[in-house]
Amino acid sequence: MEDGFSSFWGPVTSTDRCEKNYVHSSYIAEFFNTISNIPGILFALIGLINALRQRFEKRFSVLHISNMILSIGSMLYHATLRRLQQQGDETPMVWEMLLYFYILYSPDWHYRSTMPTFLFFYGVGFAIAHALIRFEIGFKVHYIILCLLCIPRMYKYYIYTKDNYAKRLAKLYIATLFLGSICWIMDRVLCKEISHWYFNPQGHALWHVFMSFNSYFANTFLMFCRAEQRRWDPKIVHFFGVFPYVKIQKPKSQ
């Protein structure tokens, strides 16, 4: 507790980060780690509007909503530093990766009903186990494994994509993931040193910002690849010449 503020949410029961608690408000434990999730909500909203406006498959609308829920859950976690809210952040992280797994692999899956059924029960089972058992290292290992399972398919999509703008999205996805991971690692490993600095670079907050861009680039790239599979003549266009999104032209029969 800093600068005379008292805790509105009570004692910390979740994993604490390097940012000092309750510096700016008694209602927000980690101020920068909380507000840094706002870009994730905004980018997910933009992606959702684009998916609905161009009538993409429902899986992409669900994916964007999942990104939004994840960012909101992260805001609640960092604002309260309570164990229940931490679970509300971590469980959607796993659900989101299961959605990515489905979007990446389902086009070539011959038994169409088996994959969503398995992933659904897997997600429910994880949520129950995570609510009953607190396994911090196990959660991180599990999440990393899910991420690694998605990489081969993402790479396959990349090498088969001819559009240079789409390839650039994939490269931006890798770059933001790399930069965000460095910020996250520094915040964790160098926290004792950082706490004595005059200025805290807020590595975990930067991780949130980079991952907001990362999710948007990944989703836009996957929407492009899926539109190519459906022969919707996709193109990457830029709003005001800067912000990328997918524009499609469906055949009249669709």
Protein backbone atom coordinates (compact mmCIF):
# COMPACT_ATOMS: atom_id res chain seq x y z
CA MET A 1 0.00 0.00 0.00
CA GLU A 2 1.44 3.35 -1.07
CA ASP A 3 0.88 7.09 -0.57
CA GLY A 4 -1.76 6.74 2.12
CA PHE A 5 -4.24 4.72 0.04
CA SER A 6 -5.99 1.76 1.69
CA SER A 7 -7.01 -1.43 -0.03
CA PHE A 8 -10.66 -1.64 -1.06
CA TRP A 9 -10.38 -5.32 -2.03
CA GLY A 10 -8.62 -6.62 1.06
CA PRO A 11 -5.37 -8.60 1.30
CA VAL A 12 -3.69 -9.96 -1.80
CA THR A 13 -4.60 -13.62 -2.42
CA SER A 14 -3.35 -13.96 -6.01
CA THR A 15 0.03 -13.84 -7.71
CA ASP A 16 1.44 -10.33 -7.28
CA ARG A 17 3.38 -8.55 -10.03
CA CYS A 18 6.25 -6.07 -9.89
CA GLU A 19 4.05 -2.97 -9.97
CA LYS A 20 3.50 -1.40 -6.54
CA ASN A 21 -0.02 -1.85 -5.22
CA TYR A 22 -2.62 0.87 -4.61
CA VAL A 23 -0.36 3.76 -5.60
CA HIS A 24 -2.98 5.71 -7.57
CA SER A 25 -6.28 4.49 -6.13
CA SER A 26 -7.68 2.36 -3.33
CA TYR A 27 -9.92 0.66 -5.93
CA ILE A 28 -7.19 -0.42 -8.36
CA ALA A 29 -4.37 -2.53 -6.98
CA GLU A 30 -2.10 -2.43 -10.05
CA PHE A 31 -3.03 0.67 -12.01
CA PHE A 32 -0.87 0.28 -15.13
CA ASN A 33 -1.39 -3.49 -15.33
CA THR A 34 -5.14 -2.79 -15.26
CA ILE A 35 -5.52 0.02 -17.80
CA SER A 36 -3.04 -1.63 -20.22
CA ASN A 37 -5.79 -4.14 -21.07
CA ILE A 38 -7.92 -1.43 -22.69
CA PRO A 39 -6.23 -1.79 -26.13
CA GLY A 40 -7.07 -5.51 -26.08
CA ILE A 41 -10.76 -4.73 -25.62
CA LEU A 42 -10.74 -2.08 -28.36
CA PHE A 43 -8.87 -4.25 -30.91
CA ALA A 44 -11.17 -7.21 -30.19
CA LEU A 45 -14.18 -4.94 -30.70
CA ILE A 46 -12.81 -3.74 -34.04
CA GLY A 47 -12.20 -7.32 -35.14
CA LEU A 48 -15.69 -8.37 -34.04
CA ILE A 49 -17.33 -5.53 -35.97
CA ASN A 50 -15.38 -6.46 -39.09
CA ALA A 51 -16.25 -10.16 -38.74
CA LEU A 52 -19.96 -9.42 -38.30
CA ARG A 53 -20.11 -6.75 -41.01
CA GLN A 54 -18.58 -9.05 -43.63
CA ARG A 55 -20.39 -12.15 -42.37
CA PHE A 56 -17.35 -14.24 -41.52
CA GLU A 57 -17.97 -17.61 -39.92
CA LYS A 58 -19.18 -17.49 -36.33
CA ARG A 59 -15.91 -18.97 -35.06
CA PHE A 60 -14.20 -15.63 -35.65
CA SER A 61 -16.89 -13.66 -33.85
CA VAL A 62 -16.49 -16.04 -30.91
CA LEU A 63 -12.71 -15.62 -31.08
CA HIS A 64 -12.91 -11.82 -30.92
CA ILE A 65 -15.41 -12.01 -28.04
CA SER A 66 -13.02 -14.41 -26.30
CA ASN A 67 -10.21 -11.84 -26.66
CA MET A 68 -12.49 -9.23 -25.14
CA ILE A 69 -13.44 -11.46 -22.21
CA LEU A 70 -9.78 -12.25 -21.61
CA SER A 71 -8.85 -8.56 -21.44
CA ILE A 72 -11.75 -7.80 -19.09
CA GLY A 73 -10.77 -10.75 -16.89
CA SER A 74 -7.20 -9.49 -16.78
CA MET A 75 -8.41 -6.02 -15.78
CA LEU A 76 -10.42 -7.46 -12.89
CA TYR A 77 -7.49 -9.60 -11.77
CA HIS A 78 -4.95 -6.78 -11.69
CA ALA A 79 -7.44 -4.35 -10.16
CA THR A 80 -8.25 -6.67 -7.24
CA LEU A 81 -5.34 -9.13 -6.89
CA ARG A 82 -7.78 -11.77 -5.68
CA ARG A 83 -7.46 -15.48 -6.42
CA LEU A 84 -10.97 -15.76 -7.90
CA GLN A 85 -10.26 -12.94 -10.35
CA GLN A 86 -6.91 -14.52 -11.24
CA GLN A 87 -8.77 -17.67 -12.23
CA GLY A 88 -11.12 -15.45 -14.24
CA ASP A 89 -8.05 -14.29 -16.15
CA GLU A 90 -6.22 -17.61 -16.57
CA THR A 91 -9.14 -19.87 -17.50
CA PRO A 92 -10.14 -17.71 -20.53
CA MET A 93 -6.48 -17.81 -21.62
CA VAL A 94 -6.77 -21.58 -22.02
CA TRP A 95 -10.20 -21.35 -23.64
CA GLU A 96 -8.82 -18.85 -26.14
CA MET A 97 -5.98 -21.20 -27.10
CA LEU A 98 -8.50 -24.01 -27.61
CA LEU A 99 -10.39 -21.71 -29.99
CA TYR A 100 -7.17 -21.01 -31.90
CA PHE A 101 -6.51 -24.74 -32.06
CA TYR A 102 -9.97 -25.32 -33.53
CA ILE A 103 -9.67 -22.52 -36.11
CA LEU A 104 -6.22 -23.69 -37.18
CA TYR A 105 -6.85 -27.41 -37.46
CA SER A 106 -10.58 -27.89 -38.10
CA PRO A 107 -10.47 -27.20 -41.89
CA ASP A 108 -8.52 -30.45 -42.43
CA TRP A 109 -10.21 -32.48 -39.70
CA HIS A 110 -12.27 -35.27 -41.29
CA TYR A 111 -14.46 -36.05 -38.27
CA ARG A 112 -15.98 -32.60 -37.83
CA SER A 113 -18.06 -33.25 -34.69
CA THR A 114 -15.24 -34.84 -32.68
CA MET A 115 -12.90 -31.84 -32.44
CA PRO A 116 -15.35 -29.23 -31.06
CA THR A 117 -16.82 -31.84 -28.69
CA PHE A 118 -13.41 -32.82 -27.36
CA LEU A 119 -12.24 -29.19 -27.02
CA PHE A 120 -15.47 -28.21 -25.26
CA PHE A 121 -15.17 -30.92 -22.60
CA TYR A 122 -11.43 -30.27 -22.30
CA GLY A 123 -12.15 -26.60 -21.59
CA VAL A 124 -14.84 -27.43 -19.03
CA GLY A 125 -12.59 -29.99 -17.35
CA PHE A 126 -9.74 -27.51 -17.11
CA ALA A 127 -12.00 -24.81 -15.65
CA ILE A 128 -13.19 -27.19 -12.93
CA ALA A 129 -9.67 -28.43 -12.14
CA HIS A 130 -8.30 -24.89 -12.08
CA ALA A 131 -11.04 -23.80 -9.68
CA LEU A 132 -10.24 -26.62 -7.27
CA ILE A 133 -6.44 -26.77 -7.55
CA ARG A 134 -3.97 -23.90 -7.51
CA PHE A 135 -1.10 -24.83 -9.81
CA GLU A 136 0.86 -21.78 -10.94
CA ILE A 137 3.83 -23.48 -12.63
CA GLY A 138 1.59 -26.22 -14.01
CA PHE A 139 -0.69 -23.61 -15.55
CA LYS A 140 2.21 -21.85 -17.29
CA VAL A 141 3.60 -25.13 -18.66
CA HIS A 142 0.14 -26.19 -19.83
CA TYR A 143 -0.45 -22.83 -21.55
CA ILE A 144 2.95 -22.88 -23.28
CA ILE A 145 2.25 -26.39 -24.60
CA LEU A 146 -1.06 -25.22 -26.08
CA CYS A 147 0.74 -22.30 -27.74
CA LEU A 148 3.44 -24.58 -29.15
CA LEU A 149 0.81 -26.92 -30.62
CA CYS A 150 -0.53 -24.02 -32.69
CA ILE A 151 2.83 -22.96 -34.15
CA PRO A 152 3.25 -25.70 -36.82
CA ARG A 153 -0.13 -24.88 -38.34
CA MET A 154 0.53 -21.13 -38.25
CA TYR A 155 3.82 -21.75 -40.04
CA LYS A 156 2.05 -23.87 -42.67
CA TYR A 157 -0.43 -21.07 -43.31
CA TYR A 158 2.45 -18.62 -43.59
CA ILE A 159 4.45 -20.55 -46.19
CA TYR A 160 1.36 -21.18 -48.33
CA THR A 161 0.27 -17.54 -48.23
CA LYS A 162 1.42 -15.54 -51.26
CA ASP A 163 0.02 -12.14 -50.28
CA ASN A 164 2.83 -9.94 -48.97
CA TYR A 165 0.55 -7.88 -46.72
CA ALA A 166 -0.79 -11.05 -45.09
CA LYS A 167 2.76 -12.30 -44.60
CA ARG A 168 3.60 -8.99 -42.96
CA LEU A 169 0.78 -9.57 -40.45
CA ALA A 170 2.31 -12.94 -39.56
CA LYS A 171 5.71 -11.28 -39.06
CA LEU A 172 4.16 -8.60 -36.86
CA TYR A 173 2.50 -11.40 -34.87
CA ILE A 174 5.93 -12.95 -34.20
CA ALA A 175 7.56 -9.58 -33.45
CA THR A 176 4.94 -8.50 -30.91
CA LEU A 177 5.04 -11.92 -29.26
CA PHE A 178 8.83 -11.68 -28.97
CA LEU A 179 8.85 -8.13 -27.60
CA GLY A 180 5.98 -8.85 -25.21
CA SER A 181 7.72 -11.96 -23.89
CA ILE A 182 10.90 -9.98 -23.19
CA CYS A 183 8.88 -7.43 -21.20
CA TRP A 184 7.12 -10.19 -19.25
CA ILE A 185 10.38 -12.02 -18.45
CA MET A 186 12.17 -8.83 -17.35
CA ASP A 187 9.28 -7.90 -15.09
CA ARG A 188 9.42 -11.33 -13.45
CA VAL A 189 13.16 -11.95 -13.28
CA LEU A 190 14.42 -8.42 -12.55
CA CYS A 191 11.64 -7.31 -10.23
CA LYS A 192 13.91 -6.81 -7.19
CA GLU A 193 16.26 -4.62 -9.20
CA ILE A 194 13.43 -2.72 -10.91
CA SER A 195 11.78 -1.97 -7.56
CA HIS A 196 14.82 0.16 -6.65
CA TRP A 197 14.78 2.12 -9.90
CA TYR A 198 13.46 5.66 -9.95
CA PHE A 199 11.23 4.71 -12.91
CA ASN A 200 9.47 1.35 -13.27
CA PRO A 201 9.17 0.48 -17.00
CA GLN A 202 6.00 -1.54 -16.19
CA GLY A 203 7.04 -4.64 -18.10
CA HIS A 204 3.85 -6.54 -17.39
CA ALA A 205 1.72 -3.65 -18.62
CA LEU A 206 3.81 -3.51 -21.80
CA TRP A 207 3.22 -7.25 -22.16
CA HIS A 208 -0.52 -6.56 -22.17
CA VAL A 209 -0.16 -3.88 -24.85
CA PHE A 210 2.05 -6.01 -27.09
CA MET A 211 -0.28 -8.99 -26.71
CA SER A 212 -3.24 -6.80 -27.65
CA PHE A 213 -1.55 -6.11 -30.98
CA ASN A 214 -0.41 -9.73 -31.17
CA SER A 215 -3.95 -11.11 -30.88
CA TYR A 216 -5.29 -8.66 -33.45
CA PHE A 217 -2.54 -9.50 -35.97
CA ALA A 218 -3.06 -13.24 -35.42
CA ASN A 219 -6.84 -12.99 -35.81
CA THR A 220 -6.59 -10.85 -38.94
CA PHE A 221 -4.07 -13.24 -40.50
CA LEU A 222 -6.29 -16.24 -39.72
CA MET A 223 -9.34 -14.48 -41.15
CA PHE A 224 -7.39 -13.86 -44.35
CA CYS A 225 -6.28 -17.51 -44.58
CA ARG A 226 -9.81 -18.79 -43.97
CA ALA A 227 -11.21 -16.43 -46.60
CA GLU A 228 -8.69 -17.83 -49.07
CA GLN A 229 -9.84 -21.36 -48.24
CA ARG A 230 -13.43 -20.30 -48.90
CA ARG A 231 -12.43 -18.48 -52.12
CA TRP A 232 -13.71 -15.11 -50.90
CA ASP A 233 -10.97 -13.13 -52.65
CA PRO A 234 -9.52 -11.60 -49.45
CA LYS A 235 -7.34 -8.51 -49.37
CA ILE A 236 -5.50 -6.79 -46.55
CA VAL A 237 -6.47 -3.12 -46.59
CA HIS A 238 -5.50 -0.37 -44.19
CA PHE A 239 -7.78 2.03 -42.40
CA PHE A 240 -6.30 5.53 -42.85
CA GLY A 241 -3.35 3.77 -44.45
CA VAL A 242 -2.20 2.34 -41.12
CA PHE A 243 -4.58 -0.07 -39.39
CA PRO A 244 -4.87 -3.45 -41.23
CA TYR A 245 -8.06 -5.45 -41.66
CA VAL A 246 -9.42 -8.07 -44.06
CA LYS A 247 -11.74 -7.12 -46.87
CA ILE A 248 -13.48 -9.94 -48.76
CA GLN A 249 -15.63 -10.35 -51.85
CA LYS A 250 -17.93 -13.35 -51.53
CA PRO A 251 -19.41 -14.95 -54.65
CA LYS A 252 -23.03 -13.95 -55.21
CA SER A 253 -24.14 -17.53 -54.55
CA GLN A 254 -22.93 -17.14 -50.92
